[in-house]
Amino acid sequence: MKLIVETKSRDKFNTLLSFLRSNGYKVQVQDKPLKDEDWCMPGRAATDEEQELLANAMVQDDITFGKSTETLKKDMVKWMKQVVK
């Protein structure tokens, strides 16, 4: 299992770390920022804020990894014409 904690208080972080270690948990600390895909890990529900960001990106067609919806629709029409021939 993986637990990701983000905190701005070093004291609270150290207290949590000490608590977990004293209760037998193996703790690995990685001080690096999360990547975009880290929020959609299996078993972790997206937060309301993350869902809102995704919905806004979909509405604005602001998906950087692919084509816009209009381009996909045009490609689909061309493909359907080729298949029906």
PDB file of N, CA and C in Angstrom:
ATOM      1  N   MET A   1       0.834  -1.171   0.000  1.00  0.00           N
ATOM      2  CA  MET A   1       0.000   0.000   0.000  1.00  0.00           C
ATOM      3  C   MET A   1       0.881   1.237   0.000  1.00  0.00           C
ATOM      4  N   LYS A   2       0.374   2.290  -0.542  1.00  0.00           N
ATOM      5  CA  LYS A   2       1.147   3.521  -0.648  1.00  0.00           C
ATOM      6  C   LYS A   2       0.342   4.663  -0.047  1.00  0.00           C
ATOM      7  N   LEU A   3       1.007   5.499   0.733  1.00  0.00           N
ATOM      8  CA  LEU A   3       0.392   6.676   1.325  1.00  0.00           C
ATOM      9  C   LEU A   3       1.195   7.883   0.895  1.00  0.00           C
ATOM     10  N   ILE A   4       0.522   8.853   0.332  1.00  0.00           N
ATOM     11  CA  ILE A   4       1.200  10.078  -0.097  1.00  0.00           C
ATOM     12  C   ILE A   4       0.719  11.208   0.798  1.00  0.00           C
ATOM     13  N   VAL A   5       1.667  11.889   1.412  1.00  0.00           N
ATOM     14  CA  VAL A   5       1.346  12.983   2.320  1.00  0.00           C
ATOM     15  C   VAL A   5       2.043  14.230   1.832  1.00  0.00           C
ATOM     16  N   GLU A   6       1.288  15.310   1.767  1.00  0.00           N
ATOM     17  CA  GLU A   6       1.869  16.599   1.407  1.00  0.00           C
ATOM     18  C   GLU A   6       1.606  17.548   2.554  1.00  0.00           C
ATOM     19  N   THR A   7       2.654  18.141   3.070  1.00  0.00           N
ATOM     20  CA  THR A   7       2.504  19.061   4.185  1.00  0.00           C
ATOM     21  C   THR A   7       3.474  20.218   4.042  1.00  0.00           C
ATOM     22  N   LYS A   8       3.094  21.341   4.608  1.00  0.00           N
ATOM     23  CA  LYS A   8       3.981  22.502   4.580  1.00  0.00           C
ATOM     24  C   LYS A   8       4.701  22.673   5.907  1.00  0.00           C
ATOM     25  N   SER A   9       4.338  21.863   6.893  1.00  0.00           N
ATOM     26  CA  SER A   9       4.930  21.955   8.217  1.00  0.00           C
ATOM     27  C   SER A   9       5.921  20.812   8.432  1.00  0.00           C
ATOM     28  N   ARG A  10       7.170  21.137   8.541  1.00  0.00           N
ATOM     29  CA  ARG A  10       8.211  20.126   8.757  1.00  0.00           C
ATOM     30  C   ARG A  10       8.029  19.445  10.113  1.00  0.00           C
ATOM     31  N   ASP A  11       7.587  20.181  11.124  1.00  0.00           N
ATOM     32  CA  ASP A  11       7.380  19.600  12.453  1.00  0.00           C
ATOM     33  C   ASP A  11       6.276  18.549  12.433  1.00  0.00           C
ATOM     34  N   LYS A  12       5.157  18.860  11.776  1.00  0.00           N
ATOM     35  CA  LYS A  12       4.057  17.890  11.694  1.00  0.00           C
ATOM     36  C   LYS A  12       4.480  16.660  10.886  1.00  0.00           C
ATOM     37  N   PHE A  13       5.265  16.888   9.840  1.00  0.00           N
ATOM     38  CA  PHE A  13       5.770  15.777   9.037  1.00  0.00           C
ATOM     39  C   PHE A  13       6.637  14.859   9.897  1.00  0.00           C
ATOM     40  N   ASN A  14       7.545  15.440  10.657  1.00  0.00           N
ATOM     41  CA  ASN A  14       8.433  14.641  11.505  1.00  0.00           C
ATOM     42  C   ASN A  14       7.653  13.887  12.585  1.00  0.00           C
ATOM     43  N   THR A  15       6.609  14.514  13.125  1.00  0.00           N
ATOM     44  CA  THR A  15       5.773  13.852  14.125  1.00  0.00           C
ATOM     45  C   THR A  15       5.065  12.647  13.515  1.00  0.00           C
ATOM     46  N   LEU A  16       4.488  12.820  12.329  1.00  0.00           N
ATOM     47  CA  LEU A  16       3.817  11.715  11.643  1.00  0.00           C
ATOM     48  C   LEU A  16       4.805  10.606  11.307  1.00  0.00           C
ATOM     49  N   LEU A  17       5.954  10.972  10.810  1.00  0.00           N
ATOM     50  CA  LEU A  17       6.988   9.998  10.458  1.00  0.00           C
ATOM     51  C   LEU A  17       7.408   9.194  11.681  1.00  0.00           C
ATOM     52  N   SER A  18       7.631   9.863  12.787  1.00  0.00           N
ATOM     53  CA  SER A  18       8.019   9.199  14.031  1.00  0.00           C
ATOM     54  C   SER A  18       6.924   8.252  14.506  1.00  0.00           C
ATOM     55  N   PHE A  19       5.667   8.700  14.437  1.00  0.00           N
ATOM     56  CA  PHE A  19       4.542   7.868  14.847  1.00  0.00           C
ATOM     57  C   PHE A  19       4.460   6.589  14.014  1.00  0.00           C
ATOM     58  N   LEU A  20       4.549   6.737  12.702  1.00  0.00           N
ATOM     59  CA  LEU A  20       4.451   5.571  11.823  1.00  0.00           C
ATOM     60  C   LEU A  20       5.583   4.588  12.065  1.00  0.00           C
ATOM     61  N   ARG A  21       6.788   5.089  12.191  1.00  0.00           N
ATOM     62  CA  ARG A  21       7.940   4.208  12.424  1.00  0.00           C
ATOM     63  C   ARG A  21       7.854   3.519  13.785  1.00  0.00           C
ATOM     64  N   SER A  22       7.393   4.222  14.802  1.00  0.00           N
ATOM     65  CA  SER A  22       7.299   3.624  16.143  1.00  0.00           C
ATOM     66  C   SER A  22       6.211   2.561  16.214  1.00  0.00           C
ATOM     67  N   ASN A  23       5.289   2.569  15.261  1.00  0.00           N
ATOM     68  CA  ASN A  23       4.231   1.560  15.217  1.00  0.00           C
ATOM     69  C   ASN A  23       4.510   0.460  14.205  1.00  0.00           C
ATOM     70  N   GLY A  24       5.754   0.365  13.762  1.00  0.00           N
ATOM     71  CA  GLY A  24       6.173  -0.762  12.937  1.00  0.00           C
ATOM     72  C   GLY A  24       5.982  -0.617  11.448  1.00  0.00           C
ATOM     73  N   TYR A  25       5.644   0.566  10.977  1.00  0.00           N
ATOM     74  CA  TYR A  25       5.471   0.764   9.543  1.00  0.00           C
ATOM     75  C   TYR A  25       6.817   1.055   8.886  1.00  0.00           C
ATOM     76  N   LYS A  26       7.003   0.477   7.718  1.00  0.00           N
ATOM     77  CA  LYS A  26       8.198   0.774   6.922  1.00  0.00           C
ATOM     78  C   LYS A  26       7.914   2.072   6.177  1.00  0.00           C
ATOM     79  N   VAL A  27       8.765   3.061   6.351  1.00  0.00           N
ATOM     80  CA  VAL A  27       8.520   4.376   5.776  1.00  0.00           C
ATOM     81  C   VAL A  27       9.671   4.738   4.839  1.00  0.00           C
ATOM     82  N   GLN A  28       9.324   5.109   3.627  1.00  0.00           N
ATOM     83  CA  GLN A  28      10.288   5.615   2.659  1.00  0.00           C
ATOM     84  C   GLN A  28       9.888   7.037   2.324  1.00  0.00           C
ATOM     85  N   VAL A  29      10.834   7.935   2.387  1.00  0.00           N
ATOM     86  CA  VAL A  29      10.548   9.339   2.129  1.00  0.00           C
ATOM     87  C   VAL A  29      11.142   9.726   0.786  1.00  0.00           C
ATOM     88  N   GLN A  30      10.315  10.289  -0.068  1.00  0.00           N
ATOM     89  CA  GLN A  30      10.768  10.815  -1.350  1.00  0.00           C
ATOM     90  C   GLN A  30      10.325  12.264  -1.415  1.00  0.00           C
ATOM     91  N   ASP A  31      11.270  13.140  -1.453  1.00  0.00           N
ATOM     92  CA  ASP A  31      10.945  14.570  -1.472  1.00  0.00           C
ATOM     93  C   ASP A  31      10.970  15.066  -2.913  1.00  0.00           C
ATOM     94  N   LYS A  32       9.944  14.681  -3.658  1.00  0.00           N
ATOM     95  CA  LYS A  32       9.852  15.105  -5.058  1.00  0.00           C
ATOM     96  C   LYS A  32       8.399  15.437  -5.366  1.00  0.00           C
ATOM     97  N   PRO A  33       8.175  16.347  -6.271  1.00  0.00           N
ATOM     98  CA  PRO A  33       6.788  16.711  -6.599  1.00  0.00           C
ATOM     99  C   PRO A  33       6.077  15.579  -7.337  1.00  0.00           C
ATOM    100  N   LEU A  34       4.764  15.526  -7.169  1.00  0.00           N
ATOM    101  CA  LEU A  34       3.965  14.520  -7.863  1.00  0.00           C
ATOM    102  C   LEU A  34       3.879  14.836  -9.345  1.00  0.00           C
ATOM    103  N   LYS A  35       3.825  13.780 -10.150  1.00  0.00           N
ATOM    104  CA  LYS A  35       3.620  13.946 -11.588  1.00  0.00           C
ATOM    105  C   LYS A  35       2.124  13.999 -11.854  1.00  0.00           C
ATOM    106  N   ASP A  36       1.752  14.462 -13.033  1.00  0.00           N
ATOM    107  CA  ASP A  36       0.336  14.598 -13.383  1.00  0.00           C
ATOM    108  C   ASP A  36      -0.429  13.289 -13.247  1.00  0.00           C
ATOM    109  N   GLU A  37       0.189  12.170 -13.616  1.00  0.00           N
ATOM    110  CA  GLU A  37      -0.532  10.903 -13.607  1.00  0.00           C
ATOM    111  C   GLU A  37      -0.613  10.272 -12.221  1.00  0.00           C
ATOM    112  N   ASP A  38       0.065  10.818 -11.222  1.00  0.00           N
ATOM    113  CA  ASP A  38       0.058  10.225  -9.891  1.00  0.00           C
ATOM    114  C   ASP A  38      -1.310  10.275  -9.212  1.00  0.00           C
ATOM    115  N   TRP A  39      -2.150  11.224  -9.584  1.00  0.00           N
ATOM    116  CA  TRP A  39      -3.435  11.344  -8.899  1.00  0.00           C
ATOM    117  C   TRP A  39      -4.408  10.240  -9.289  1.00  0.00           C
ATOM    118  N   CYS A  40      -4.176   9.553 -10.408  1.00  0.00           N
ATOM    119  CA  CYS A  40      -5.132   8.540 -10.860  1.00  0.00           C
ATOM    120  C   CYS A  40      -4.599   7.131 -10.643  1.00  0.00           C
ATOM    121  N   MET A  41      -4.134   6.856  -9.438  1.00  0.00           N
ATOM    122  CA  MET A  41      -3.633   5.528  -9.108  1.00  0.00           C
ATOM    123  C   MET A  41      -4.797   4.592  -8.781  1.00  0.00           C
ATOM    124  N   PRO A  42      -4.693   3.320  -9.138  1.00  0.00           N
ATOM    125  CA  PRO A  42      -5.760   2.372  -8.824  1.00  0.00           C
ATOM    126  C   PRO A  42      -6.029   2.337  -7.318  1.00  0.00           C
ATOM    127  N   GLY A  43      -7.280   2.322  -6.946  1.00  0.00           N
ATOM    128  CA  GLY A  43      -7.649   2.247  -5.546  1.00  0.00           C
ATOM    129  C   GLY A  43      -7.740   3.598  -4.860  1.00  0.00           C
ATOM    130  N   ARG A  44      -7.358   4.653  -5.544  1.00  0.00           N
ATOM    131  CA  ARG A  44      -7.422   5.988  -4.952  1.00  0.00           C
ATOM    132  C   ARG A  44      -8.455   6.797  -5.710  1.00  0.00           C
ATOM    133  N   ALA A  45      -9.487   7.200  -5.011  1.00  0.00           N
ATOM    134  CA  ALA A  45     -10.519   8.017  -5.652  1.00  0.00           C
ATOM    135  C   ALA A  45      -9.993   9.427  -5.875  1.00  0.00           C
ATOM    136  N   ALA A  46     -10.359  10.015  -6.987  1.00  0.00           N
ATOM    137  CA  ALA A  46      -9.958  11.392  -7.275  1.00  0.00           C
ATOM    138  C   ALA A  46     -10.692  12.337  -6.332  1.00  0.00           C
ATOM    139  N   THR A  47     -10.024  13.394  -5.951  1.00  0.00           N
ATOM    140  CA  THR A  47     -10.668  14.394  -5.096  1.00  0.00           C
ATOM    141  C   THR A  47     -11.649  15.212  -5.932  1.00  0.00           C
ATOM    142  N   ASP A  48     -12.509  15.952  -5.254  1.00  0.00           N
ATOM    143  CA  ASP A  48     -13.468  16.802  -5.961  1.00  0.00           C
ATOM    144  C   ASP A  48     -12.740  17.813  -6.850  1.00  0.00           C
ATOM    145  N   GLU A  49     -11.654  18.363  -6.338  1.00  0.00           N
ATOM    146  CA  GLU A  49     -10.882  19.344  -7.110  1.00  0.00           C
ATOM    147  C   GLU A  49     -10.291  18.705  -8.366  1.00  0.00           C
ATOM    148  N   GLU A  50      -9.767  17.481  -8.237  1.00  0.00           N
ATOM    149  CA  GLU A  50      -9.188  16.788  -9.389  1.00  0.00           C
ATOM    150  C   GLU A  50     -10.264  16.464 -10.427  1.00  0.00           C
ATOM    151  N   GLN A  51     -11.431  16.045  -9.967  1.00  0.00           N
ATOM    152  CA  GLN A  51     -12.521  15.753 -10.898  1.00  0.00           C
ATOM    153  C   GLN A  51     -12.970  17.020 -11.626  1.00  0.00           C
ATOM    154  N   GLU A  52     -12.999  18.120 -10.908  1.00  0.00           N
ATOM    155  CA  GLU A  52     -13.389  19.388 -11.516  1.00  0.00           C
ATOM    156  C   GLU A  52     -12.376  19.814 -12.576  1.00  0.00           C
ATOM    157  N   LEU A  53     -11.074  19.655 -12.281  1.00  0.00           N
ATOM    158  CA  LEU A  53     -10.033  19.997 -13.255  1.00  0.00           C
ATOM    159  C   LEU A  53     -10.145  19.142 -14.508  1.00  0.00           C
ATOM    160  N   LEU A  54     -10.398  17.844 -14.323  1.00  0.00           N
ATOM    161  CA  LEU A  54     -10.546  16.947 -15.468  1.00  0.00           C
ATOM    162  C   LEU A  54     -11.775  17.319 -16.290  1.00  0.00           C
ATOM    163  N   ALA A  55     -12.880  17.619 -15.618  1.00  0.00           N
ATOM    164  CA  ALA A  55     -14.103  18.006 -16.337  1.00  0.00           C
ATOM    165  C   ALA A  55     -13.885  19.293 -17.126  1.00  0.00           C
ATOM    166  N   ASN A  56     -13.208  20.260 -16.528  1.00  0.00           N
ATOM    167  CA  ASN A  56     -12.931  21.517 -17.236  1.00  0.00           C
ATOM    168  C   ASN A  56     -12.038  21.275 -18.453  1.00  0.00           C
ATOM    169  N   ALA A  57     -11.047  20.410 -18.305  1.00  0.00           N
ATOM    170  CA  ALA A  57     -10.171  20.093 -19.433  1.00  0.00           C
ATOM    171  C   ALA A  57     -10.958  19.432 -20.552  1.00  0.00           C
ATOM    172  N   MET A  58     -11.910  18.563 -20.192  1.00  0.00           N
ATOM    173  CA  MET A  58     -12.711  17.887 -21.216  1.00  0.00           C
ATOM    174  C   MET A  58     -13.634  18.877 -21.918  1.00  0.00           C
ATOM    175  N   VAL A  59     -14.225  19.785 -21.174  1.00  0.00           N
ATOM    176  CA  VAL A  59     -15.121  20.782 -21.759  1.00  0.00           C
ATOM    177  C   VAL A  59     -14.354  21.676 -22.728  1.00  0.00           C
ATOM    178  N   GLN A  60     -13.152  22.042 -22.355  1.00  0.00           N
ATOM    179  CA  GLN A  60     -12.347  22.941 -23.178  1.00  0.00           C
ATOM    180  C   GLN A  60     -11.533  22.200 -24.231  1.00  0.00           C
ATOM    181  N   ASP A  61     -11.678  20.856 -24.280  1.00  0.00           N
ATOM    182  CA  ASP A  61     -10.882  20.050 -25.189  1.00  0.00           C
ATOM    183  C   ASP A  61      -9.399  20.328 -24.991  1.00  0.00           C
ATOM    184  N   ASP A  62      -9.013  20.504 -23.755  1.00  0.00           N
ATOM    185  CA  ASP A  62      -7.631  20.828 -23.418  1.00  0.00           C
ATOM    186  C   ASP A  62      -6.867  19.566 -23.061  1.00  0.00           C
ATOM    187  N   ILE A  63      -6.958  18.571 -23.910  1.00  0.00           N
ATOM    188  CA  ILE A  63      -6.259  17.323 -23.687  1.00  0.00           C
ATOM    189  C   ILE A  63      -4.996  17.366 -24.540  1.00  0.00           C
ATOM    190  N   THR A  64      -3.846  17.378 -23.908  1.00  0.00           N
ATOM    191  CA  THR A  64      -2.596  17.583 -24.634  1.00  0.00           C
ATOM    192  C   THR A  64      -2.050  16.313 -25.265  1.00  0.00           C
ATOM    193  N   PHE A  65      -2.564  15.139 -24.887  1.00  0.00           N
ATOM    194  CA  PHE A  65      -1.985  13.905 -25.404  1.00  0.00           C
ATOM    195  C   PHE A  65      -2.651  13.418 -26.682  1.00  0.00           C
ATOM    196  N   GLY A  66      -3.674  14.078 -27.155  1.00  0.00           N
ATOM    197  CA  GLY A  66      -4.367  13.566 -28.328  1.00  0.00           C
ATOM    198  C   GLY A  66      -4.951  14.651 -29.197  1.00  0.00           C
ATOM    199  N   LYS A  67      -5.965  14.257 -29.945  1.00  0.00           N
ATOM    200  CA  LYS A  67      -6.615  15.170 -30.880  1.00  0.00           C
ATOM    201  C   LYS A  67      -7.852  15.776 -30.235  1.00  0.00           C
ATOM    202  N   SER A  68      -8.325  16.865 -30.813  1.00  0.00           N
ATOM    203  CA  SER A  68      -9.556  17.478 -30.318  1.00  0.00           C
ATOM    204  C   SER A  68     -10.752  16.609 -30.703  1.00  0.00           C
ATOM    205  N   THR A  69     -11.860  16.845 -30.063  1.00  0.00           N
ATOM    206  CA  THR A  69     -13.075  16.071 -30.337  1.00  0.00           C
ATOM    207  C   THR A  69     -13.518  16.245 -31.782  1.00  0.00           C
ATOM    208  N   GLU A  70     -13.450  17.464 -32.279  1.00  0.00           N
ATOM    209  CA  GLU A  70     -13.862  17.720 -33.663  1.00  0.00           C
ATOM    210  C   GLU A  70     -12.985  16.941 -34.654  1.00  0.00           C
ATOM    211  N   THR A  71     -11.693  16.911 -34.419  1.00  0.00           N
ATOM    212  CA  THR A  71     -10.786  16.165 -35.300  1.00  0.00           C
ATOM    213  C   THR A  71     -11.099  14.676 -35.233  1.00  0.00           C
ATOM    214  N   LEU A  72     -11.372  14.162 -34.037  1.00  0.00           N
ATOM    215  CA  LEU A  72     -11.714  12.746 -33.898  1.00  0.00           C
ATOM    216  C   LEU A  72     -13.013  12.408 -34.623  1.00  0.00           C
ATOM    217  N   LYS A  73     -13.993  13.307 -34.549  1.00  0.00           N
ATOM    218  CA  LYS A  73     -15.254  13.077 -35.255  1.00  0.00           C
ATOM    219  C   LYS A  73     -15.033  13.012 -36.766  1.00  0.00           C
ATOM    220  N   LYS A  74     -14.207  13.920 -37.284  1.00  0.00           N
ATOM    221  CA  LYS A  74     -13.911  13.927 -38.722  1.00  0.00           C
ATOM    222  C   LYS A  74     -13.178  12.646 -39.128  1.00  0.00           C
ATOM    223  N   ASP A  75     -12.224  12.228 -38.319  1.00  0.00           N
ATOM    224  CA  ASP A  75     -11.489  10.987 -38.592  1.00  0.00           C
ATOM    225  C   ASP A  75     -12.424   9.777 -38.570  1.00  0.00           C
ATOM    226  N   MET A  76     -13.377   9.783 -37.637  1.00  0.00           N
ATOM    227  CA  MET A  76     -14.321   8.677 -37.528  1.00  0.00           C
ATOM    228  C   MET A  76     -15.217   8.601 -38.764  1.00  0.00           C
ATOM    229  N   VAL A  77     -15.653   9.744 -39.259  1.00  0.00           N
ATOM    230  CA  VAL A  77     -16.489   9.769 -40.468  1.00  0.00           C
ATOM    231  C   VAL A  77     -15.694   9.212 -41.650  1.00  0.00           C
ATOM    232  N   LYS A  78     -14.444   9.626 -41.808  1.00  0.00           N
ATOM    233  CA  LYS A  78     -13.593   9.109 -42.896  1.00  0.00           C
ATOM    234  C   LYS A  78     -13.417   7.601 -42.756  1.00  0.00           C
ATOM    235  N   TRP A  79     -13.167   7.129 -41.552  1.00  0.00           N
ATOM    236  CA  TRP A  79     -12.950   5.702 -41.314  1.00  0.00           C
ATOM    237  C   TRP A  79     -14.212   4.909 -41.641  1.00  0.00           C
ATOM    238  N   MET A  80     -15.381   5.434 -41.227  1.00  0.00           N
ATOM    239  CA  MET A  80     -16.636   4.731 -41.491  1.00  0.00           C
ATOM    240  C   MET A  80     -16.901   4.630 -42.992  1.00  0.00           C
ATOM    241  N   LYS A  81     -16.548   5.674 -43.753  1.00  0.00           N
ATOM    242  CA  LYS A  81     -16.732   5.641 -45.211  1.00  0.00           C
ATOM    243  C   LYS A  81     -15.842   4.585 -45.836  1.00  0.00           C
ATOM    244  N   GLN A  82     -14.633   4.441 -45.335  1.00  0.00           N
ATOM    245  CA  GLN A  82     -13.700   3.439 -45.860  1.00  0.00           C
ATOM    246  C   GLN A  82     -14.173   2.020 -45.537  1.00  0.00           C
ATOM    247  N   VAL A  83     -14.712   1.822 -44.360  1.00  0.00           N
ATOM    248  CA  VAL A  83     -15.154   0.480 -43.934  1.00  0.00           C
ATOM    249  C   VAL A  83     -16.405   0.055 -44.689  1.00  0.00           C
ATOM    250  N   VAL A  84     -17.305   0.985 -44.959  1.00  0.00           N
ATOM    251  CA  VAL A  84     -18.578   0.659 -45.602  1.00  0.00           C
ATOM    252  C   VAL A  84     -18.408   0.339 -47.071  1.00  0.00           C
ATOM    253  N   LYS A  85     -17.354   0.817 -47.710  1.00  0.00           N
ATOM    254  CA  LYS A  85     -17.143   0.601 -49.155  1.00  0.00           C
ATOM    255  C   LYS A  85     -17.293  -0.817 -49.570  1.00  0.00           C
TER     256      LYS A  85
END
